[in-house]
Amino acid sequence: MMSTPRKRISLKSRTPARQALIICMHEMQYGSIRNLPIVGGEPVLQQAKVIRRRNLAKQSTVKPVNKNFYLKASHLQLLKLLDEIGDGVLDMISFREGLPCELEHSAA
Protein backbone atom coordinates (compact mmCIF):
# COMPACT_ATOMS: atom_id res chain seq x y z
CA MET A 1 0.00 0.00 0.00
CA MET A 2 1.44 3.37 -1.00
CA SER A 3 1.23 6.35 1.32
CA THR A 4 0.11 9.69 -0.03
CA PRO A 5 2.77 12.40 -0.01
CA ARG A 6 2.36 15.09 2.62
CA LYS A 7 1.44 18.51 1.27
CA ARG A 8 4.36 20.89 1.72
CA ILE A 9 3.58 24.31 3.16
CA SER A 10 5.81 27.27 2.35
CA LEU A 11 6.74 30.11 4.67
CA LYS A 12 5.35 32.63 2.16
CA SER A 13 1.87 31.14 2.55
CA ARG A 14 1.71 32.18 6.23
CA THR A 15 0.70 35.60 7.59
CA PRO A 16 3.38 38.31 7.96
CA ALA A 17 3.34 37.94 11.79
CA ARG A 18 3.88 34.18 11.57
CA GLN A 19 6.58 34.64 8.94
CA ALA A 20 8.39 37.10 11.24
CA LEU A 21 8.32 34.61 14.13
CA ILE A 22 9.73 31.76 12.03
CA ILE A 23 12.35 34.01 10.40
CA CYS A 24 13.45 35.28 13.82
CA MET A 25 14.06 31.72 15.04
CA HIS A 26 15.78 30.75 11.78
CA GLU A 27 18.13 33.74 11.82
CA MET A 28 19.06 33.43 15.51
CA GLN A 29 19.46 29.63 15.25
CA TYR A 30 19.70 29.04 19.05
CA GLY A 31 17.83 30.81 21.81
CA SER A 32 14.39 31.54 23.16
CA ILE A 33 11.50 33.95 22.90
CA ARG A 34 9.84 34.91 26.17
CA ASN A 35 6.43 36.42 26.93
CA LEU A 36 5.14 36.26 23.37
CA PRO A 37 1.66 37.79 23.15
CA ILE A 38 -0.80 35.96 20.90
CA VAL A 39 -3.71 38.01 19.55
CA GLY A 40 -6.30 36.26 17.41
CA GLY A 41 -3.83 33.42 16.86
CA GLU A 42 -1.14 35.81 15.61
CA PRO A 43 2.17 36.33 17.42
CA VAL A 44 3.11 39.90 18.38
CA LEU A 45 6.89 39.53 18.21
CA GLN A 46 7.59 43.24 18.81
CA GLN A 47 6.35 42.88 22.41
CA ALA A 48 8.34 39.73 23.22
CA LYS A 49 11.87 39.33 24.53
CA VAL A 50 14.13 37.48 22.07
CA ILE A 51 17.21 35.87 23.59
CA ARG A 52 19.99 34.57 21.36
CA ARG A 53 22.14 31.81 22.80
CA ARG A 54 25.76 31.49 21.70
CA ASN A 55 28.44 28.93 22.30
CA LEU A 56 31.74 30.71 22.87
CA ALA A 57 33.69 27.65 21.76
CA LYS A 58 32.02 27.76 18.33
CA GLN A 59 31.56 30.58 15.90
CA SER A 60 27.88 31.00 15.11
CA THR A 61 26.63 33.26 12.41
CA VAL A 62 23.25 34.67 11.50
CA LYS A 63 21.91 32.69 8.57
CA PRO A 64 20.24 34.57 5.73
CA VAL A 65 16.71 33.42 5.09
CA ASN A 66 15.27 32.39 1.77
CA LYS A 67 11.70 33.57 2.31
CA ASN A 68 10.24 30.68 0.35
CA PHE A 69 11.40 27.63 2.27
CA TYR A 70 9.06 24.83 3.31
CA LEU A 71 7.97 24.58 6.93
CA LYS A 72 9.04 21.63 9.05
CA ALA A 73 6.73 19.61 11.29
CA SER A 74 7.84 21.55 14.40
CA HIS A 75 6.95 24.87 12.71
CA LEU A 76 3.49 23.53 11.86
CA GLN A 77 2.99 22.27 15.44
CA LEU A 78 3.87 25.74 16.77
CA LEU A 79 1.45 27.44 14.35
CA LYS A 80 -1.30 25.00 15.33
CA LEU A 81 -0.70 25.88 18.99
CA LEU A 82 -1.03 29.60 18.16
CA ASP A 83 -4.44 28.82 16.65
CA GLU A 84 -5.43 26.88 19.78
CA ILE A 85 -4.31 29.68 22.12
CA GLY A 86 -6.17 32.36 20.15
CA ASP A 87 -5.58 35.16 22.67
CA GLY A 88 -3.00 34.79 25.40
CA VAL A 89 0.72 34.61 26.04
CA LEU A 90 3.30 31.96 25.24
CA ASP A 91 5.62 32.09 28.23
CA MET A 92 8.60 30.70 26.33
CA ILE A 93 9.62 29.12 23.04
CA SER A 94 13.07 27.55 22.88
CA PHE A 95 14.59 26.93 19.48
CA ARG A 96 17.61 25.00 18.21
CA GLU A 97 18.98 25.17 14.69
CA GLY A 98 16.14 27.56 13.93
CA LEU A 99 13.41 25.08 14.88
CA PRO A 100 11.04 25.39 17.84
CA CYS A 101 11.74 22.55 20.26
CA GLU A 102 10.24 23.43 23.66
CA LEU A 103 7.27 25.55 24.70
CA GLU A 104 5.94 26.85 27.98
CA HIS A 105 2.35 28.01 28.12
CA SER A 106 0.26 28.74 31.19
CA ALA A 107 -2.85 26.62 31.37
CA ALA A 108 -6.08 28.58 31.06
PDB file of N, CA and C in Angstrom:
ATOM      1  N   MET A   1       0.843  -1.175   0.000  1.00  0.00           N
ATOM      2  CA  MET A   1       0.000   0.000   0.000  1.00  0.00           C
ATOM      3  C   MET A   1       0.893   1.245   0.000  1.00  0.00           C
ATOM      4  N   MET A   2       0.623   2.164  -0.885  1.00  0.00           N
ATOM      5  CA  MET A   2       1.439   3.373  -0.998  1.00  0.00           C
ATOM      6  C   MET A   2       0.841   4.479  -0.141  1.00  0.00           C
ATOM      7  N   SER A   3       1.715   5.219   0.531  1.00  0.00           N
ATOM      8  CA  SER A   3       1.234   6.347   1.323  1.00  0.00           C
ATOM      9  C   SER A   3       1.170   7.585   0.435  1.00  0.00           C
ATOM     10  N   THR A   4       0.235   8.456   0.748  1.00  0.00           N
ATOM     11  CA  THR A   4       0.114   9.686  -0.030  1.00  0.00           C
ATOM     12  C   THR A   4       1.147  10.687   0.464  1.00  0.00           C
ATOM     13  N   PRO A   5       1.766  11.418  -0.448  1.00  0.00           N
ATOM     14  CA  PRO A   5       2.768  12.395  -0.011  1.00  0.00           C
ATOM     15  C   PRO A   5       2.115  13.528   0.782  1.00  0.00           C
ATOM     16  N   ARG A   6       2.839  13.998   1.788  1.00  0.00           N
ATOM     17  CA  ARG A   6       2.355  15.093   2.621  1.00  0.00           C
ATOM     18  C   ARG A   6       2.462  16.400   1.843  1.00  0.00           C
ATOM     19  N   LYS A   7       1.425  17.216   1.945  1.00  0.00           N
ATOM     20  CA  LYS A   7       1.445  18.510   1.271  1.00  0.00           C
ATOM     21  C   LYS A   7       2.471  19.406   1.960  1.00  0.00           C
ATOM     22  N   ARG A   8       3.336  20.014   1.171  1.00  0.00           N
ATOM     23  CA  ARG A   8       4.359  20.893   1.724  1.00  0.00           C
ATOM     24  C   ARG A   8       3.807  22.311   1.800  1.00  0.00           C
ATOM     25  N   ILE A   9       4.087  22.965   2.918  1.00  0.00           N
ATOM     26  CA  ILE A   9       3.578  24.313   3.160  1.00  0.00           C
ATOM     27  C   ILE A   9       4.769  25.266   3.207  1.00  0.00           C
ATOM     28  N   SER A  10       4.695  26.325   2.416  1.00  0.00           N
ATOM     29  CA  SER A  10       5.811  27.270   2.353  1.00  0.00           C
ATOM     30  C   SER A  10       5.638  28.385   3.387  1.00  0.00           C
ATOM     31  N   LEU A  11       6.754  28.979   3.752  1.00  0.00           N
ATOM     32  CA  LEU A  11       6.742  30.111   4.674  1.00  0.00           C
ATOM     33  C   LEU A  11       5.916  31.257   4.103  1.00  0.00           C
ATOM     34  N   LYS A  12       6.060  31.511   2.799  1.00  0.00           N
ATOM     35  CA  LYS A  12       5.351  32.631   2.156  1.00  0.00           C
ATOM     36  C   LYS A  12       3.834  32.531   2.271  1.00  0.00           C
ATOM     37  N   SER A  13       3.328  31.318   2.479  1.00  0.00           N
ATOM     38  CA  SER A  13       1.874  31.140   2.549  1.00  0.00           C
ATOM     39  C   SER A  13       1.302  31.499   3.922  1.00  0.00           C
ATOM     40  N   ARG A  14       2.156  31.816   4.886  1.00  0.00           N
ATOM     41  CA  ARG A  14       1.707  32.183   6.226  1.00  0.00           C
ATOM     42  C   ARG A  14       1.560  33.703   6.336  1.00  0.00           C
ATOM     43  N   THR A  15       0.899  34.164   7.387  1.00  0.00           N
ATOM     44  CA  THR A  15       0.699  35.603   7.590  1.00  0.00           C
ATOM     45  C   THR A  15       2.039  36.281   7.879  1.00  0.00           C
ATOM     46  N   PRO A  16       2.134  37.598   7.665  1.00  0.00           N
ATOM     47  CA  PRO A  16       3.382  38.309   7.960  1.00  0.00           C
ATOM     48  C   PRO A  16       3.864  38.127   9.410  1.00  0.00           C
ATOM     49  N   ALA A  17       2.951  38.109  10.377  1.00  0.00           N
ATOM     50  CA  ALA A  17       3.343  37.944  11.785  1.00  0.00           C
ATOM     51  C   ALA A  17       3.939  36.559  12.018  1.00  0.00           C
ATOM     52  N   ARG A  18       3.354  35.539  11.415  1.00  0.00           N
ATOM     53  CA  ARG A  18       3.877  34.176  11.566  1.00  0.00           C
ATOM     54  C   ARG A  18       5.203  34.023  10.821  1.00  0.00           C
ATOM     55  N   GLN A  19       5.314  34.654   9.671  1.00  0.00           N
ATOM     56  CA  GLN A  19       6.581  34.643   8.938  1.00  0.00           C
ATOM     57  C   GLN A  19       7.689  35.268   9.789  1.00  0.00           C
ATOM     58  N   ALA A  20       7.388  36.402  10.426  1.00  0.00           N
ATOM     59  CA  ALA A  20       8.392  37.100  11.241  1.00  0.00           C
ATOM     60  C   ALA A  20       8.865  36.221  12.395  1.00  0.00           C
ATOM     61  N   LEU A  21       7.959  35.494  13.030  1.00  0.00           N
ATOM     62  CA  LEU A  21       8.320  34.611  14.132  1.00  0.00           C
ATOM     63  C   LEU A  21       9.264  33.504  13.646  1.00  0.00           C
ATOM     64  N   ILE A  22       8.919  32.868  12.558  1.00  0.00           N
ATOM     65  CA  ILE A  22       9.730  31.764  12.030  1.00  0.00           C
ATOM     66  C   ILE A  22      11.077  32.274  11.539  1.00  0.00           C
ATOM     67  N   ILE A  23      11.089  33.430  10.880  1.00  0.00           N
ATOM     68  CA  ILE A  23      12.349  34.009  10.396  1.00  0.00           C
ATOM     69  C   ILE A  23      13.250  34.374  11.572  1.00  0.00           C
ATOM     70  N   CYS A  24      12.672  34.923  12.632  1.00  0.00           N
ATOM     71  CA  CYS A  24      13.453  35.277  13.825  1.00  0.00           C
ATOM     72  C   CYS A  24      14.169  34.042  14.365  1.00  0.00           C
ATOM     73  N   MET A  25      13.451  32.943  14.523  1.00  0.00           N
ATOM     74  CA  MET A  25      14.058  31.718  15.036  1.00  0.00           C
ATOM     75  C   MET A  25      15.128  31.203  14.078  1.00  0.00           C
ATOM     76  N   HIS A  26      14.836  31.256  12.790  1.00  0.00           N
ATOM     77  CA  HIS A  26      15.781  30.754  11.785  1.00  0.00           C
ATOM     78  C   HIS A  26      17.069  31.576  11.773  1.00  0.00           C
ATOM     79  N   GLU A  27      16.941  32.882  11.853  1.00  0.00           N
ATOM     80  CA  GLU A  27      18.131  33.739  11.819  1.00  0.00           C
ATOM     81  C   GLU A  27      18.966  33.615  13.091  1.00  0.00           C
ATOM     82  N   MET A  28      18.326  33.515  14.245  1.00  0.00           N
ATOM     83  CA  MET A  28      19.056  33.427  15.513  1.00  0.00           C
ATOM     84  C   MET A  28      19.656  32.044  15.734  1.00  0.00           C
ATOM     85  N   GLN A  29      19.033  31.019  15.156  1.00  0.00           N
ATOM     86  CA  GLN A  29      19.456  29.626  15.250  1.00  0.00           C
ATOM     87  C   GLN A  29      19.251  29.005  16.636  1.00  0.00           C
ATOM     88  N   TYR A  30      19.815  29.594  17.694  1.00  0.00           N
ATOM     89  CA  TYR A  30      19.701  29.043  19.045  1.00  0.00           C
ATOM     90  C   TYR A  30      19.249  30.144  19.998  1.00  0.00           C
ATOM     91  N   GLY A  31      18.268  29.824  20.846  1.00  0.00           N
ATOM     92  CA  GLY A  31      17.834  30.810  21.814  1.00  0.00           C
ATOM     93  C   GLY A  31      16.416  30.563  22.273  1.00  0.00           C
ATOM     94  N   SER A  32      15.769  31.645  22.691  1.00  0.00           N
ATOM     95  CA  SER A  32      14.392  31.544  23.162  1.00  0.00           C
ATOM     96  C   SER A  32      13.668  32.868  22.950  1.00  0.00           C
ATOM     97  N   ILE A  33      12.375  32.771  22.966  1.00  0.00           N
ATOM     98  CA  ILE A  33      11.499  33.947  22.899  1.00  0.00           C
ATOM     99  C   ILE A  33      10.608  33.853  24.129  1.00  0.00           C
ATOM    100  N   ARG A  34      10.595  34.922  24.915  1.00  0.00           N
ATOM    101  CA  ARG A  34       9.838  34.910  26.167  1.00  0.00           C
ATOM    102  C   ARG A  34       8.698  35.933  26.132  1.00  0.00           C
ATOM    103  N   ASN A  35       7.610  35.551  26.807  1.00  0.00           N
ATOM    104  CA  ASN A  35       6.434  36.418  26.934  1.00  0.00           C
ATOM    105  C   ASN A  35       5.923  36.902  25.583  1.00  0.00           C
ATOM    106  N   LEU A  36       5.630  35.950  24.716  1.00  0.00           N
ATOM    107  CA  LEU A  36       5.144  36.262  23.365  1.00  0.00           C
ATOM    108  C   LEU A  36       3.625  36.396  23.383  1.00  0.00           C
ATOM    109  N   PRO A  37       3.110  37.624  23.209  1.00  0.00           N
ATOM    110  CA  PRO A  37       1.658  37.795  23.148  1.00  0.00           C
ATOM    111  C   PRO A  37       1.092  37.147  21.875  1.00  0.00           C
ATOM    112  N   ILE A  38      -0.077  36.544  22.018  1.00  0.00           N
ATOM    113  CA  ILE A  38      -0.804  35.958  20.895  1.00  0.00           C
ATOM    114  C   ILE A  38      -2.154  36.658  20.841  1.00  0.00           C
ATOM    115  N   VAL A  39      -2.456  37.291  19.713  1.00  0.00           N
ATOM    116  CA  VAL A  39      -3.714  38.013  19.547  1.00  0.00           C
ATOM    117  C   VAL A  39      -4.415  37.461  18.312  1.00  0.00           C
ATOM    118  N   GLY A  40      -5.568  36.850  18.526  1.00  0.00           N
ATOM    119  CA  GLY A  40      -6.303  36.263  17.413  1.00  0.00           C
ATOM    120  C   GLY A  40      -5.498  35.183  16.699  1.00  0.00           C
ATOM    121  N   GLY A  41      -4.653  34.469  17.447  1.00  0.00           N
ATOM    122  CA  GLY A  41      -3.830  33.416  16.862  1.00  0.00           C
ATOM    123  C   GLY A  41      -2.552  33.905  16.207  1.00  0.00           C
ATOM    124  N   GLU A  42      -2.325  35.221  16.247  1.00  0.00           N
ATOM    125  CA  GLU A  42      -1.142  35.805  15.611  1.00  0.00           C
ATOM    126  C   GLU A  42      -0.130  36.255  16.663  1.00  0.00           C
ATOM    127  N   PRO A  43       1.145  35.892  16.472  1.00  0.00           N
ATOM    128  CA  PRO A  43       2.173  36.334  17.424  1.00  0.00           C
ATOM    129  C   PRO A  43       2.474  37.819  17.273  1.00  0.00           C
ATOM    130  N   VAL A  44       2.739  38.486  18.393  1.00  0.00           N
ATOM    131  CA  VAL A  44       3.107  39.901  18.385  1.00  0.00           C
ATOM    132  C   VAL A  44       4.569  39.961  18.839  1.00  0.00           C
ATOM    133  N   LEU A  45       5.466  39.683  17.907  1.00  0.00           N
ATOM    134  CA  LEU A  45       6.886  39.529  18.211  1.00  0.00           C
ATOM    135  C   LEU A  45       7.512  40.796  18.771  1.00  0.00           C
ATOM    136  N   GLN A  46       7.014  41.969  18.372  1.00  0.00           N
ATOM    137  CA  GLN A  46       7.585  43.241  18.813  1.00  0.00           C
ATOM    138  C   GLN A  46       7.486  43.416  20.327  1.00  0.00           C
ATOM    139  N   GLN A  47       6.539  42.735  20.967  1.00  0.00           N
ATOM    140  CA  GLN A  47       6.346  42.884  22.410  1.00  0.00           C
ATOM    141  C   GLN A  47       7.019  41.778  23.218  1.00  0.00           C
ATOM    142  N   ALA A  48       7.691  40.846  22.538  1.00  0.00           N
ATOM    143  CA  ALA A  48       8.342  39.726  23.217  1.00  0.00           C
ATOM    144  C   ALA A  48       9.822  40.017  23.439  1.00  0.00           C
ATOM    145  N   LYS A  49      10.427  39.226  24.291  1.00  0.00           N
ATOM    146  CA  LYS A  49      11.868  39.329  24.526  1.00  0.00           C
ATOM    147  C   LYS A  49      12.546  38.168  23.803  1.00  0.00           C
ATOM    148  N   VAL A  50      13.409  38.494  22.841  1.00  0.00           N
ATOM    149  CA  VAL A  50      14.127  37.481  22.067  1.00  0.00           C
ATOM    150  C   VAL A  50      15.533  37.351  22.648  1.00  0.00           C
ATOM    151  N   ILE A  51      15.902  36.132  22.993  1.00  0.00           N
ATOM    152  CA  ILE A  51      17.205  35.868  23.595  1.00  0.00           C
ATOM    153  C   ILE A  51      17.978  34.936  22.670  1.00  0.00           C
ATOM    154  N   ARG A  52      19.137  35.398  22.214  1.00  0.00           N
ATOM    155  CA  ARG A  52      19.987  34.568  21.357  1.00  0.00           C
ATOM    156  C   ARG A  52      21.024  33.886  22.229  1.00  0.00           C
ATOM    157  N   ARG A  53      21.151  32.582  22.051  1.00  0.00           N
ATOM    158  CA  ARG A  53      22.137  31.813  22.804  1.00  0.00           C
ATOM    159  C   ARG A  53      23.332  31.552  21.899  1.00  0.00           C
ATOM    160  N   ARG A  54      24.530  31.717  22.457  1.00  0.00           N
ATOM    161  CA  ARG A  54      25.763  31.489  21.697  1.00  0.00           C
ATOM    162  C   ARG A  54      26.682  30.568  22.468  1.00  0.00           C
ATOM    163  N   ASN A  55      27.423  29.783  21.734  1.00  0.00           N
ATOM    164  CA  ASN A  55      28.444  28.925  22.305  1.00  0.00           C
ATOM    165  C   ASN A  55      29.779  29.602  22.023  1.00  0.00           C
ATOM    166  N   LEU A  56      30.484  29.991  23.057  1.00  0.00           N
ATOM    167  CA  LEU A  56      31.741  30.714  22.874  1.00  0.00           C
ATOM    168  C   LEU A  56      32.826  29.848  22.248  1.00  0.00           C
ATOM    169  N   ALA A  57      32.693  28.541  22.360  1.00  0.00           N
ATOM    170  CA  ALA A  57      33.685  27.648  21.759  1.00  0.00           C
ATOM    171  C   ALA A  57      33.500  27.532  20.251  1.00  0.00           C
ATOM    172  N   LYS A  58      32.311  27.858  19.764  1.00  0.00           N
ATOM    173  CA  LYS A  58      32.018  27.756  18.331  1.00  0.00           C
ATOM    174  C   LYS A  58      31.644  29.122  17.788  1.00  0.00           C
ATOM    175  N   GLN A  59      31.996  29.361  16.565  1.00  0.00           N
ATOM    176  CA  GLN A  59      31.556  30.575  15.896  1.00  0.00           C
ATOM    177  C   GLN A  59      30.172  30.322  15.317  1.00  0.00           C
ATOM    178  N   SER A  60      29.206  31.105  15.711  1.00  0.00           N
ATOM    179  CA  SER A  60      27.880  30.996  15.107  1.00  0.00           C
ATOM    180  C   SER A  60      27.591  32.272  14.344  1.00  0.00           C
ATOM    181  N   THR A  61      26.939  32.112  13.237  1.00  0.00           N
ATOM    182  CA  THR A  61      26.625  33.261  12.405  1.00  0.00           C
ATOM    183  C   THR A  61      25.131  33.314  12.151  1.00  0.00           C
ATOM    184  N   VAL A  62      24.646  34.502  11.880  1.00  0.00           N
ATOM    185  CA  VAL A  62      23.248  34.674  11.497  1.00  0.00           C
ATOM    186  C   VAL A  62      23.105  34.148  10.072  1.00  0.00           C
ATOM    187  N   LYS A  63      22.119  33.263   9.886  1.00  0.00           N
ATOM    188  CA  LYS A  63      21.913  32.687   8.566  1.00  0.00           C
ATOM    189  C   LYS A  63      20.904  33.522   7.787  1.00  0.00           C
ATOM    190  N   PRO A  64      21.237  33.868   6.545  1.00  0.00           N
ATOM    191  CA  PRO A  64      20.244  34.570   5.727  1.00  0.00           C
ATOM    192  C   PRO A  64      19.069  33.636   5.435  1.00  0.00           C
ATOM    193  N   VAL A  65      17.917  34.219   5.279  1.00  0.00           N
ATOM    194  CA  VAL A  65      16.709  33.420   5.092  1.00  0.00           C
ATOM    195  C   VAL A  65      16.187  33.568   3.675  1.00  0.00           C
ATOM    196  N   ASN A  66      16.010  32.443   3.020  1.00  0.00           N
ATOM    197  CA  ASN A  66      15.269  32.394   1.769  1.00  0.00           C
ATOM    198  C   ASN A  66      13.807  32.396   2.191  1.00  0.00           C
ATOM    199  N   LYS A  67      13.072  33.397   1.813  1.00  0.00           N
ATOM    200  CA  LYS A  67      11.705  33.569   2.313  1.00  0.00           C
ATOM    201  C   LYS A  67      10.700  32.616   1.680  1.00  0.00           C
ATOM    202  N   ASN A  68      11.171  31.625   0.950  1.00  0.00           N
ATOM    203  CA  ASN A  68      10.237  30.684   0.350  1.00  0.00           C
ATOM    204  C   ASN A  68      10.620  29.248   0.676  1.00  0.00           C
ATOM    205  N   PHE A  69      11.092  29.003   1.919  1.00  0.00           N
ATOM    206  CA  PHE A  69      11.400  27.629   2.274  1.00  0.00           C
ATOM    207  C   PHE A  69      10.143  26.935   2.791  1.00  0.00           C
ATOM    208  N   TYR A  70      10.197  25.610   2.830  1.00  0.00           N
ATOM    209  CA  TYR A  70       9.059  24.830   3.312  1.00  0.00           C
ATOM    210  C   TYR A  70       9.159  24.642   4.822  1.00  0.00           C
ATOM    211  N   LEU A  71       8.021  24.710   5.479  1.00  0.00           N
ATOM    212  CA  LEU A  71       7.975  24.583   6.934  1.00  0.00           C
ATOM    213  C   LEU A  71       8.147  23.129   7.351  1.00  0.00           C
ATOM    214  N   LYS A  72       8.823  22.948   8.465  1.00  0.00           N
ATOM    215  CA  LYS A  72       9.039  21.628   9.050  1.00  0.00           C
ATOM    216  C   LYS A  72       7.876  21.308   9.993  1.00  0.00           C
ATOM    217  N   ALA A  73       7.808  20.061  10.405  1.00  0.00           N
ATOM    218  CA  ALA A  73       6.725  19.611  11.287  1.00  0.00           C
ATOM    219  C   ALA A  73       6.675  20.432  12.579  1.00  0.00           C
ATOM    220  N   SER A  74       7.844  20.776  13.145  1.00  0.00           N
ATOM    221  CA  SER A  74       7.840  21.552  14.398  1.00  0.00           C
ATOM    222  C   SER A  74       7.301  22.962  14.194  1.00  0.00           C
ATOM    223  N   HIS A  75       7.545  23.563  13.017  1.00  0.00           N
ATOM    224  CA  HIS A  75       6.949  24.873  12.707  1.00  0.00           C
ATOM    225  C   HIS A  75       5.425  24.744  12.686  1.00  0.00           C
ATOM    226  N   LEU A  76       4.939  23.707  12.003  1.00  0.00           N
ATOM    227  CA  LEU A  76       3.490  23.525  11.865  1.00  0.00           C
ATOM    228  C   LEU A  76       2.835  23.254  13.220  1.00  0.00           C
ATOM    229  N   GLN A  77       3.527  22.518  14.097  1.00  0.00           N
ATOM    230  CA  GLN A  77       2.991  22.273  15.443  1.00  0.00           C
ATOM    231  C   GLN A  77       2.883  23.580  16.222  1.00  0.00           C
ATOM    232  N   LEU A  78       3.894  24.435  16.097  1.00  0.00           N
ATOM    233  CA  LEU A  78       3.866  25.738  16.769  1.00  0.00           C
ATOM    234  C   LEU A  78       2.706  26.583  16.241  1.00  0.00           C
ATOM    235  N   LEU A  79       2.528  26.639  14.929  1.00  0.00           N
ATOM    236  CA  LEU A  79       1.448  27.437  14.347  1.00  0.00           C
ATOM    237  C   LEU A  79       0.081  26.907  14.762  1.00  0.00           C
ATOM    238  N   LYS A  80      -0.048  25.590  14.869  1.00  0.00           N
ATOM    239  CA  LYS A  80      -1.303  24.998  15.328  1.00  0.00           C
ATOM    240  C   LYS A  80      -1.584  25.416  16.775  1.00  0.00           C
ATOM    241  N   LEU A  81      -0.530  25.448  17.602  1.00  0.00           N
ATOM    242  CA  LEU A  81      -0.695  25.880  18.993  1.00  0.00           C
ATOM    243  C   LEU A  81      -1.142  27.336  19.066  1.00  0.00           C
ATOM    244  N   LEU A  82      -0.601  28.191  18.187  1.00  0.00           N
ATOM    245  CA  LEU A  82      -1.033  29.597  18.162  1.00  0.00           C
ATOM    246  C   LEU A  82      -2.529  29.684  17.886  1.00  0.00           C
ATOM    247  N   ASP A  83      -3.009  28.854  16.949  1.00  0.00           N
ATOM    248  CA  ASP A  83      -4.443  28.824  16.651  1.00  0.00           C
ATOM    249  C   ASP A  83      -5.244  28.391  17.880  1.00  0.00           C
ATOM    250  N   GLU A  84      -4.732  27.388  18.600  1.00  0.00           N
ATOM    251  CA  GLU A  84      -5.426  26.881  19.781  1.00  0.00           C
ATOM    252  C   GLU A  84      -5.463  27.917  20.903  1.00  0.00           C
ATOM    253  N   ILE A  85      -4.371  28.661  21.072  1.00  0.00           N
ATOM    254  CA  ILE A  85      -4.315  29.680  22.123  1.00  0.00           C
ATOM    255  C   ILE A  85      -5.272  30.819  21.800  1.00  0.00           C
ATOM    256  N   GLY A  86      -5.296  31.263  20.547  1.00  0.00           N
ATOM    257  CA  GLY A  86      -6.173  32.365  20.154  1.00  0.00           C
ATOM    258  C   GLY A  86      -5.701  33.686  20.713  1.00  0.00           C
ATOM    259  N   ASP A  87      -6.033  33.952  21.964  1.00  0.00           N
ATOM    260  CA  ASP A  87      -5.585  35.156  22.669  1.00  0.00           C
ATOM    261  C   ASP A  87      -4.934  34.718  23.975  1.00  0.00           C
ATOM    262  N   GLY A  88      -3.707  35.162  24.184  1.00  0.00           N
ATOM    263  CA  GLY A  88      -3.001  34.786  25.404  1.00  0.00           C
ATOM    264  C   GLY A  88      -1.524  35.103  25.270  1.00  0.00           C
ATOM    265  N   VAL A  89      -0.722  34.387  26.037  1.00  0.00           N
ATOM    266  CA  VAL A  89       0.724  34.609  26.041  1.00  0.00           C
ATOM    267  C   VAL A  89       1.426  33.262  26.048  1.00  0.00           C
ATOM    268  N   LEU A  90       2.402  33.109  25.171  1.00  0.00           N
ATOM    269  CA  LEU A  90       3.305  31.958  25.238  1.00  0.00           C
ATOM    270  C   LEU A  90       4.438  32.384  26.158  1.00  0.00           C
ATOM    271  N   ASP A  91       4.604  31.696  27.257  1.00  0.00           N
ATOM    272  CA  ASP A  91       5.617  32.087  28.228  1.00  0.00           C
ATOM    273  C   ASP A  91       7.021  31.970  27.650  1.00  0.00           C
ATOM    274  N   MET A  92       7.270  30.885  26.880  1.00  0.00           N
ATOM    275  CA  MET A  92       8.605  30.705  26.325  1.00  0.00           C
ATOM    276  C   MET A  92       8.580  29.716  25.172  1.00  0.00           C
ATOM    277  N   ILE A  93       9.334  30.039  24.136  1.00  0.00           N
ATOM    278  CA  ILE A  93       9.615  29.123  23.037  1.00  0.00           C
ATOM    279  C   ILE A  93      11.132  28.996  22.974  1.00  0.00           C
ATOM    280  N   SER A  94      11.642  27.780  23.096  1.00  0.00           N
ATOM    281  CA  SER A  94      13.071  27.549  22.879  1.00  0.00           C
ATOM    282  C   SER A  94      13.242  27.029  21.464  1.00  0.00           C
ATOM    283  N   PHE A  95      14.333  27.426  20.830  1.00  0.00           N
ATOM    284  CA  PHE A  95      14.588  26.927  19.479  1.00  0.00           C
ATOM    285  C   PHE A  95      16.050  26.544  19.324  1.00  0.00           C
ATOM    286  N   ARG A  96      16.267  25.508  18.525  1.00  0.00           N
ATOM    287  CA  ARG A  96      17.609  25.002  18.209  1.00  0.00           C
ATOM    288  C   ARG A  96      17.688  24.797  16.720  1.00  0.00           C
ATOM    289  N   GLU A  97      18.781  25.245  16.140  1.00  0.00           N
ATOM    290  CA  GLU A  97      18.984  25.168  14.694  1.00  0.00           C
ATOM    291  C   GLU A  97      17.795  25.779  13.951  1.00  0.00           C
ATOM    292  N   GLY A  98      17.233  26.828  14.549  1.00  0.00           N
ATOM    293  CA  GLY A  98      16.136  27.557  13.928  1.00  0.00           C
ATOM    294  C   GLY A  98      14.765  26.926  14.066  1.00  0.00           C
ATOM    295  N   LEU A  99      14.680  25.785  14.750  1.00  0.00           N
ATOM    296  CA  LEU A  99      13.407  25.075  14.876  1.00  0.00           C
ATOM    297  C   LEU A  99      12.891  25.130  16.308  1.00  0.00           C
ATOM    298  N   PRO A 100      11.592  25.395  16.483  1.00  0.00           N
ATOM    299  CA  PRO A 100      11.040  25.393  17.835  1.00  0.00           C
ATOM    300  C   PRO A 100      11.128  23.979  18.413  1.00  0.00           C
ATOM    301  N   CYS A 101      11.572  23.890  19.677  1.00  0.00           N
ATOM    302  CA  CYS A 101      11.736  22.553  20.259  1.00  0.00           C
ATOM    303  C   CYS A 101      11.062  22.406  21.618  1.00  0.00           C
ATOM    304  N   GLU A 102      10.909  23.495  22.369  1.00  0.00           N
ATOM    305  CA  GLU A 102      10.235  23.430  23.665  1.00  0.00           C
ATOM    306  C   GLU A 102       9.362  24.659  23.836  1.00  0.00           C
ATOM    307  N   LEU A 103       8.214  24.458  24.457  1.00  0.00           N
ATOM    308  CA  LEU A 103       7.275  25.551  24.695  1.00  0.00           C
ATOM    309  C   LEU A 103       6.822  25.538  26.142  1.00  0.00           C
ATOM    310  N   GLU A 104       6.587  26.725  26.676  1.00  0.00           N
ATOM    311  CA  GLU A 104       5.936  26.845  27.979  1.00  0.00           C
ATOM    312  C   GLU A 104       4.730  27.744  27.793  1.00  0.00           C
ATOM    313  N   HIS A 105       3.598  27.259  28.245  1.00  0.00           N
ATOM    314  CA  HIS A 105       2.354  28.005  28.115  1.00  0.00           C
ATOM    315  C   HIS A 105       1.525  27.779  29.371  1.00  0.00           C
ATOM    316  N   SER A 106       1.089  28.854  29.996  1.00  0.00           N
ATOM    317  CA  SER A 106       0.263  28.736  31.186  1.00  0.00           C
ATOM    318  C   SER A 106      -1.083  28.161  30.824  1.00  0.00           C
ATOM    319  N   ALA A 107      -1.538  27.224  31.610  1.00  0.00           N
ATOM    320  CA  ALA A 107      -2.851  26.621  31.368  1.00  0.00           C
ATOM    321  C   ALA A 107      -3.934  27.647  31.675  1.00  0.00           C
ATOM    322  N   ALA A 108      -4.983  27.626  30.873  1.00  0.00           N
ATOM    323  CA  ALA A 108      -6.081  28.577  31.061  1.00  0.00           C
ATOM    324  C   ALA A 108      -6.984  28.144  32.190  1.00  0.00           C
TER     325      ALA A 108
END
